[in-house]
Amino acid sequence: MNHKHFHSYVQSNYNFNYHSNYNFNYYFNYHFNYYFNYHFNYYFNYHFNFTSPLDDLNTFSVLLNYSCTEK
């Protein structure tokens, strides 16, 4: 592994860790609470008879799986 490849390797790991640690925490601390405090209640109070609230968590699930498994 020469210096150029090593640098890109470090850079990719840094960018990925930054992305997973920052955006993932941001998602859980802000959007996750926002979803459960507002949208979750909204769906159960209004859309319960029409759609499943879990369908709208697909994007969240994909993010969760990606962030937890891709190390």
PDB file of N, CA and C in Angstrom:
ATOM      1  N   MET A   1       0.854  -1.199   0.000  1.00  0.00           N
ATOM      2  CA  MET A   1       0.000   0.000   0.000  1.00  0.00           C
ATOM      3  C   MET A   1       0.891   1.250   0.000  1.00  0.00           C
ATOM      4  N   ASN A   2       0.835   1.996  -1.074  1.00  0.00           N
ATOM      5  CA  ASN A   2       1.666   3.191  -1.115  1.00  0.00           C
ATOM      6  C   ASN A   2       0.985   4.353  -0.392  1.00  0.00           C
ATOM      7  N   HIS A   3       1.686   5.461  -0.348  1.00  0.00           N
ATOM      8  CA  HIS A   3       1.188   6.581   0.438  1.00  0.00           C
ATOM      9  C   HIS A   3      -0.151   7.091  -0.085  1.00  0.00           C
ATOM     10  N   LYS A   4      -0.290   7.143  -1.400  1.00  0.00           N
ATOM     11  CA  LYS A   4      -1.527   7.669  -1.981  1.00  0.00           C
ATOM     12  C   LYS A   4      -2.720   6.799  -1.611  1.00  0.00           C
ATOM     13  N   HIS A   5      -2.559   5.498  -1.717  1.00  0.00           N
ATOM     14  CA  HIS A   5      -3.655   4.611  -1.356  1.00  0.00           C
ATOM     15  C   HIS A   5      -3.940   4.664   0.132  1.00  0.00           C
ATOM     16  N   PHE A   6      -2.904   4.754   0.900  1.00  0.00           N
ATOM     17  CA  PHE A   6      -3.090   4.832   2.345  1.00  0.00           C
ATOM     18  C   PHE A   6      -3.868   6.088   2.721  1.00  0.00           C
ATOM     19  N   HIS A   7      -3.519   7.183   2.083  1.00  0.00           N
ATOM     20  CA  HIS A   7      -4.210   8.435   2.373  1.00  0.00           C
ATOM     21  C   HIS A   7      -5.698   8.327   2.030  1.00  0.00           C
ATOM     22  N   SER A   8      -6.008   7.770   0.866  1.00  0.00           N
ATOM     23  CA  SER A   8      -7.419   7.650   0.481  1.00  0.00           C
ATOM     24  C   SER A   8      -8.144   6.698   1.420  1.00  0.00           C
ATOM     25  N   TYR A   9      -7.445   5.671   1.874  1.00  0.00           N
ATOM     26  CA  TYR A   9      -8.036   4.733   2.829  1.00  0.00           C
ATOM     27  C   TYR A   9      -8.376   5.437   4.137  1.00  0.00           C
ATOM     28  N   VAL A  10      -7.446   6.207   4.654  1.00  0.00           N
ATOM     29  CA  VAL A  10      -7.694   6.942   5.891  1.00  0.00           C
ATOM     30  C   VAL A  10      -8.810   7.952   5.690  1.00  0.00           C
ATOM     31  N   GLN A  11      -8.777   8.617   4.561  1.00  0.00           N
ATOM     32  CA  GLN A  11      -9.784   9.633   4.287  1.00  0.00           C
ATOM     33  C   GLN A  11     -11.174   9.005   4.200  1.00  0.00           C
ATOM     34  N   SER A  12     -11.291   7.867   3.560  1.00  0.00           N
ATOM     35  CA  SER A  12     -12.595   7.226   3.435  1.00  0.00           C
ATOM     36  C   SER A  12     -13.092   6.760   4.795  1.00  0.00           C
ATOM     37  N   ASN A  13     -12.215   6.235   5.621  1.00  0.00           N
ATOM     38  CA  ASN A  13     -12.635   5.821   6.960  1.00  0.00           C
ATOM     39  C   ASN A  13     -13.018   7.015   7.809  1.00  0.00           C
ATOM     40  N   TYR A  14     -12.289   8.088   7.676  1.00  0.00           N
ATOM     41  CA  TYR A  14     -12.618   9.294   8.437  1.00  0.00           C
ATOM     42  C   TYR A  14     -13.977   9.833   8.011  1.00  0.00           C
ATOM     43  N   ASN A  15     -14.190   9.925   6.703  1.00  0.00           N
ATOM     44  CA  ASN A  15     -15.464  10.455   6.214  1.00  0.00           C
ATOM     45  C   ASN A  15     -16.624   9.569   6.632  1.00  0.00           C
ATOM     46  N   PHE A  16     -16.428   8.273   6.565  1.00  0.00           N
ATOM     47  CA  PHE A  16     -17.507   7.372   6.932  1.00  0.00           C
ATOM     48  C   PHE A  16     -17.802   7.457   8.421  1.00  0.00           C
ATOM     49  N   ASN A  17     -16.760   7.458   9.240  1.00  0.00           N
ATOM     50  CA  ASN A  17     -16.982   7.544  10.683  1.00  0.00           C
ATOM     51  C   ASN A  17     -17.620   8.865  11.061  1.00  0.00           C
ATOM     52  N   TYR A  18     -17.199   9.917  10.425  1.00  0.00           N
ATOM     53  CA  TYR A  18     -17.810  11.218  10.680  1.00  0.00           C
ATOM     54  C   TYR A  18     -19.281  11.190  10.302  1.00  0.00           C
ATOM     55  N   HIS A  19     -19.563  10.613   9.148  1.00  0.00           N
ATOM     56  CA  HIS A  19     -20.945  10.537   8.686  1.00  0.00           C
ATOM     57  C   HIS A  19     -21.793   9.699   9.631  1.00  0.00           C
ATOM     58  N   SER A  20     -21.311   8.540  10.017  1.00  0.00           N
ATOM     59  CA  SER A  20     -22.115   7.653  10.851  1.00  0.00           C
ATOM     60  C   SER A  20     -22.253   8.204  12.268  1.00  0.00           C
ATOM     61  N   ASN A  21     -21.176   8.759  12.808  1.00  0.00           N
ATOM     62  CA  ASN A  21     -21.247   9.232  14.191  1.00  0.00           C
ATOM     63  C   ASN A  21     -22.027  10.528  14.334  1.00  0.00           C
ATOM     64  N   TYR A  22     -21.916  11.400  13.358  1.00  0.00           N
ATOM     65  CA  TYR A  22     -22.584  12.686  13.460  1.00  0.00           C
ATOM     66  C   TYR A  22     -24.025  12.615  12.962  1.00  0.00           C
ATOM     67  N   ASN A  23     -24.204  12.163  11.721  1.00  0.00           N
ATOM     68  CA  ASN A  23     -25.553  12.133  11.168  1.00  0.00           C
ATOM     69  C   ASN A  23     -26.432  11.100  11.854  1.00  0.00           C
ATOM     70  N   PHE A  24     -25.842   9.985  12.238  1.00  0.00           N
ATOM     71  CA  PHE A  24     -26.630   8.962  12.920  1.00  0.00           C
ATOM     72  C   PHE A  24     -27.121   9.472  14.267  1.00  0.00           C
ATOM     73  N   ASN A  25     -26.250  10.108  15.024  1.00  0.00           N
ATOM     74  CA  ASN A  25     -26.671  10.676  16.305  1.00  0.00           C
ATOM     75  C   ASN A  25     -27.673  11.801  16.093  1.00  0.00           C
ATOM     76  N   TYR A  26     -27.455  12.596  15.081  1.00  0.00           N
ATOM     77  CA  TYR A  26     -28.400  13.662  14.771  1.00  0.00           C
ATOM     78  C   TYR A  26     -29.774  13.074  14.484  1.00  0.00           C
ATOM     79  N   TYR A  27     -29.803  11.985  13.726  1.00  0.00           N
ATOM     80  CA  TYR A  27     -31.081  11.354  13.392  1.00  0.00           C
ATOM     81  C   TYR A  27     -31.787  10.848  14.645  1.00  0.00           C
ATOM     82  N   PHE A  28     -31.028  10.230  15.532  1.00  0.00           N
ATOM     83  CA  PHE A  28     -31.666   9.676  16.722  1.00  0.00           C
ATOM     84  C   PHE A  28     -32.049  10.750  17.731  1.00  0.00           C
ATOM     85  N   ASN A  29     -31.251  11.745  17.867  1.00  0.00           N
ATOM     86  CA  ASN A  29     -31.543  12.760  18.886  1.00  0.00           C
ATOM     87  C   ASN A  29     -32.622  13.734  18.447  1.00  0.00           C
ATOM     88  N   TYR A  30     -32.717  13.992  17.160  1.00  0.00           N
ATOM     89  CA  TYR A  30     -33.658  15.000  16.698  1.00  0.00           C
ATOM     90  C   TYR A  30     -34.803  14.394  15.904  1.00  0.00           C
ATOM     91  N   HIS A  31     -34.499  13.750  14.786  1.00  0.00           N
ATOM     92  CA  HIS A  31     -35.568  13.241  13.938  1.00  0.00           C
ATOM     93  C   HIS A  31     -36.320  12.088  14.573  1.00  0.00           C
ATOM     94  N   PHE A  32     -35.614  11.237  15.287  1.00  0.00           N
ATOM     95  CA  PHE A  32     -36.289  10.096  15.907  1.00  0.00           C
ATOM     96  C   PHE A  32     -37.306  10.580  16.937  1.00  0.00           C
ATOM     97  N   ASN A  33     -36.901  11.507  17.771  1.00  0.00           N
ATOM     98  CA  ASN A  33     -37.836  12.053  18.755  1.00  0.00           C
ATOM     99  C   ASN A  33     -38.957  12.827  18.071  1.00  0.00           C
ATOM    100  N   TYR A  34     -38.597  13.551  17.050  1.00  0.00           N
ATOM    101  CA  TYR A  34     -39.606  14.291  16.310  1.00  0.00           C
ATOM    102  C   TYR A  34     -40.633  13.340  15.715  1.00  0.00           C
ATOM    103  N   TYR A  35     -40.174  12.236  15.167  1.00  0.00           N
ATOM    104  CA  TYR A  35     -41.078  11.276  14.551  1.00  0.00           C
ATOM    105  C   TYR A  35     -42.026  10.676  15.580  1.00  0.00           C
ATOM    106  N   PHE A  36     -41.483  10.290  16.712  1.00  0.00           N
ATOM    107  CA  PHE A  36     -42.334   9.631  17.694  1.00  0.00           C
ATOM    108  C   PHE A  36     -43.216  10.600  18.466  1.00  0.00           C
ATOM    109  N   ASN A  37     -42.762  11.787  18.663  1.00  0.00           N
ATOM    110  CA  ASN A  37     -43.586  12.742  19.409  1.00  0.00           C
ATOM    111  C   ASN A  37     -44.661  13.387  18.549  1.00  0.00           C
ATOM    112  N   TYR A  38     -44.412  13.507  17.259  1.00  0.00           N
ATOM    113  CA  TYR A  38     -45.362  14.209  16.400  1.00  0.00           C
ATOM    114  C   TYR A  38     -46.005  13.293  15.366  1.00  0.00           C
ATOM    115  N   HIS A  39     -45.200  12.719  14.467  1.00  0.00           N
ATOM    116  CA  HIS A  39     -45.769  11.911  13.402  1.00  0.00           C
ATOM    117  C   HIS A  39     -46.367  10.605  13.910  1.00  0.00           C
ATOM    118  N   PHE A  40     -45.717  10.014  14.889  1.00  0.00           N
ATOM    119  CA  PHE A  40     -46.232   8.746  15.395  1.00  0.00           C
ATOM    120  C   PHE A  40     -47.624   8.923  15.980  1.00  0.00           C
ATOM    121  N   ASN A  41     -47.807   9.960  16.784  1.00  0.00           N
ATOM    122  CA  ASN A  41     -49.126  10.240  17.344  1.00  0.00           C
ATOM    123  C   ASN A  41     -50.109  10.651  16.257  1.00  0.00           C
ATOM    124  N   TYR A  42     -49.608  11.397  15.307  1.00  0.00           N
ATOM    125  CA  TYR A  42     -50.471  11.817  14.206  1.00  0.00           C
ATOM    126  C   TYR A  42     -51.010  10.618  13.455  1.00  0.00           C
ATOM    127  N   TYR A  43     -50.150   9.645  13.205  1.00  0.00           N
ATOM    128  CA  TYR A  43     -50.603   8.482  12.456  1.00  0.00           C
ATOM    129  C   TYR A  43     -51.562   7.621  13.256  1.00  0.00           C
ATOM    130  N   PHE A  44     -51.319   7.498  14.525  1.00  0.00           N
ATOM    131  CA  PHE A  44     -52.224   6.672  15.321  1.00  0.00           C
ATOM    132  C   PHE A  44     -53.554   7.353  15.593  1.00  0.00           C
ATOM    133  N   ASN A  45     -53.553   8.639  15.688  1.00  0.00           N
ATOM    134  CA  ASN A  45     -54.797   9.352  15.968  1.00  0.00           C
ATOM    135  C   ASN A  45     -55.639   9.577  14.715  1.00  0.00           C
ATOM    136  N   TYR A  46     -54.981   9.642  13.571  1.00  0.00           N
ATOM    137  CA  TYR A  46     -55.698  10.021  12.354  1.00  0.00           C
ATOM    138  C   TYR A  46     -55.667   8.929  11.282  1.00  0.00           C
ATOM    139  N   HIS A  47     -54.484   8.390  11.003  1.00  0.00           N
ATOM    140  CA  HIS A  47     -54.322   7.459   9.895  1.00  0.00           C
ATOM    141  C   HIS A  47     -54.359   5.995  10.315  1.00  0.00           C
ATOM    142  N   PHE A  48     -54.670   5.761  11.547  1.00  0.00           N
ATOM    143  CA  PHE A  48     -54.607   4.385  12.024  1.00  0.00           C
ATOM    144  C   PHE A  48     -55.478   3.456  11.200  1.00  0.00           C
ATOM    145  N   ASN A  49     -56.630   3.933  10.779  1.00  0.00           N
ATOM    146  CA  ASN A  49     -57.557   3.091  10.030  1.00  0.00           C
ATOM    147  C   ASN A  49     -57.225   3.012   8.543  1.00  0.00           C
ATOM    148  N   PHE A  50     -56.227   3.779   8.104  1.00  0.00           N
ATOM    149  CA  PHE A  50     -55.921   3.827   6.683  1.00  0.00           C
ATOM    150  C   PHE A  50     -54.597   3.156   6.341  1.00  0.00           C
ATOM    151  N   THR A  51     -53.562   3.514   7.053  1.00  0.00           N
ATOM    152  CA  THR A  51     -52.237   2.973   6.737  1.00  0.00           C
ATOM    153  C   THR A  51     -51.526   2.558   8.015  1.00  0.00           C
ATOM    154  N   SER A  52     -50.478   1.792   7.836  1.00  0.00           N
ATOM    155  CA  SER A  52     -49.665   1.393   8.973  1.00  0.00           C
ATOM    156  C   SER A  52     -48.544   2.402   9.188  1.00  0.00           C
ATOM    157  N   PRO A  53     -48.361   2.894  10.407  1.00  0.00           N
ATOM    158  CA  PRO A  53     -47.287   3.849  10.683  1.00  0.00           C
ATOM    159  C   PRO A  53     -45.913   3.264  10.401  1.00  0.00           C
ATOM    160  N   LEU A  54     -45.802   1.953  10.496  1.00  0.00           N
ATOM    161  CA  LEU A  54     -44.498   1.330  10.296  1.00  0.00           C
ATOM    162  C   LEU A  54     -44.012   1.470   8.865  1.00  0.00           C
ATOM    163  N   ASP A  55     -44.923   1.633   7.932  1.00  0.00           N
ATOM    164  CA  ASP A  55     -44.523   1.796   6.543  1.00  0.00           C
ATOM    165  C   ASP A  55     -43.683   3.056   6.346  1.00  0.00           C
ATOM    166  N   ASP A  56     -43.934   4.042   7.157  1.00  0.00           N
ATOM    167  CA  ASP A  56     -43.206   5.302   7.022  1.00  0.00           C
ATOM    168  C   ASP A  56     -41.855   5.276   7.725  1.00  0.00           C
ATOM    169  N   LEU A  57     -41.549   4.161   8.383  1.00  0.00           N
ATOM    170  CA  LEU A  57     -40.259   4.037   9.047  1.00  0.00           C
ATOM    171  C   LEU A  57     -39.272   3.253   8.192  1.00  0.00           C
ATOM    172  N   ASN A  58     -39.624   2.997   6.941  1.00  0.00           N
ATOM    173  CA  ASN A  58     -38.722   2.240   6.079  1.00  0.00           C
ATOM    174  C   ASN A  58     -37.397   2.952   5.881  1.00  0.00           C
ATOM    175  N   THR A  59     -37.440   4.238   5.628  1.00  0.00           N
ATOM    176  CA  THR A  59     -36.222   5.015   5.455  1.00  0.00           C
ATOM    177  C   THR A  59     -35.385   4.984   6.715  1.00  0.00           C
ATOM    178  N   PHE A  60     -36.040   5.106   7.839  1.00  0.00           N
ATOM    179  CA  PHE A  60     -35.348   5.030   9.115  1.00  0.00           C
ATOM    180  C   PHE A  60     -34.681   3.674   9.298  1.00  0.00           C
ATOM    181  N   SER A  61     -35.385   2.605   8.933  1.00  0.00           N
ATOM    182  CA  SER A  61     -34.841   1.260   9.096  1.00  0.00           C
ATOM    183  C   SER A  61     -33.631   1.042   8.206  1.00  0.00           C
ATOM    184  N   VAL A  62     -33.696   1.549   7.007  1.00  0.00           N
ATOM    185  CA  VAL A  62     -32.561   1.423   6.093  1.00  0.00           C
ATOM    186  C   VAL A  62     -31.345   2.134   6.668  1.00  0.00           C
ATOM    187  N   LEU A  63     -31.550   3.325   7.171  1.00  0.00           N
ATOM    188  CA  LEU A  63     -30.452   4.078   7.778  1.00  0.00           C
ATOM    189  C   LEU A  63     -29.890   3.340   8.983  1.00  0.00           C
ATOM    190  N   LEU A  64     -30.781   2.804   9.802  1.00  0.00           N
ATOM    191  CA  LEU A  64     -30.350   2.069  10.984  1.00  0.00           C
ATOM    192  C   LEU A  64     -29.508   0.865  10.598  1.00  0.00           C
ATOM    193  N   ASN A  65     -29.978   0.081   9.647  1.00  0.00           N
ATOM    194  CA  ASN A  65     -29.245  -1.108   9.227  1.00  0.00           C
ATOM    195  C   ASN A  65     -27.902  -0.753   8.620  1.00  0.00           C
ATOM    196  N   TYR A  66     -27.872   0.266   7.782  1.00  0.00           N
ATOM    197  CA  TYR A  66     -26.634   0.684   7.145  1.00  0.00           C
ATOM    198  C   TYR A  66     -25.613   1.148   8.174  1.00  0.00           C
ATOM    199  N   SER A  67     -26.072   1.967   9.112  1.00  0.00           N
ATOM    200  CA  SER A  67     -25.156   2.554  10.072  1.00  0.00           C
ATOM    201  C   SER A  67     -24.644   1.519  11.078  1.00  0.00           C
ATOM    202  N   CYS A  68     -25.450   0.505  11.350  1.00  0.00           N
ATOM    203  CA  CYS A  68     -25.051  -0.477  12.351  1.00  0.00           C
ATOM    204  C   CYS A  68     -24.220  -1.602  11.768  1.00  0.00           C
ATOM    205  N   THR A  69     -24.394  -1.914  10.491  1.00  0.00           N
ATOM    206  CA  THR A  69     -23.728  -3.081   9.928  1.00  0.00           C
ATOM    207  C   THR A  69     -22.488  -2.712   9.124  1.00  0.00           C
ATOM    208  N   GLU A  70     -22.467  -1.554   8.500  1.00  0.00           N
ATOM    209  CA  GLU A  70     -21.325  -1.180   7.665  1.00  0.00           C
ATOM    210  C   GLU A  70     -20.233  -0.566   8.518  1.00  0.00           C
ATOM    211  N   LYS A  71     -19.313  -1.409   8.938  1.00  0.00           N
ATOM    212  CA  LYS A  71     -18.209  -0.909   9.763  1.00  0.00           C
ATOM    213  C   LYS A  71     -16.905  -0.982   8.990  1.00  0.00           C
TER     214      LYS A  71
END
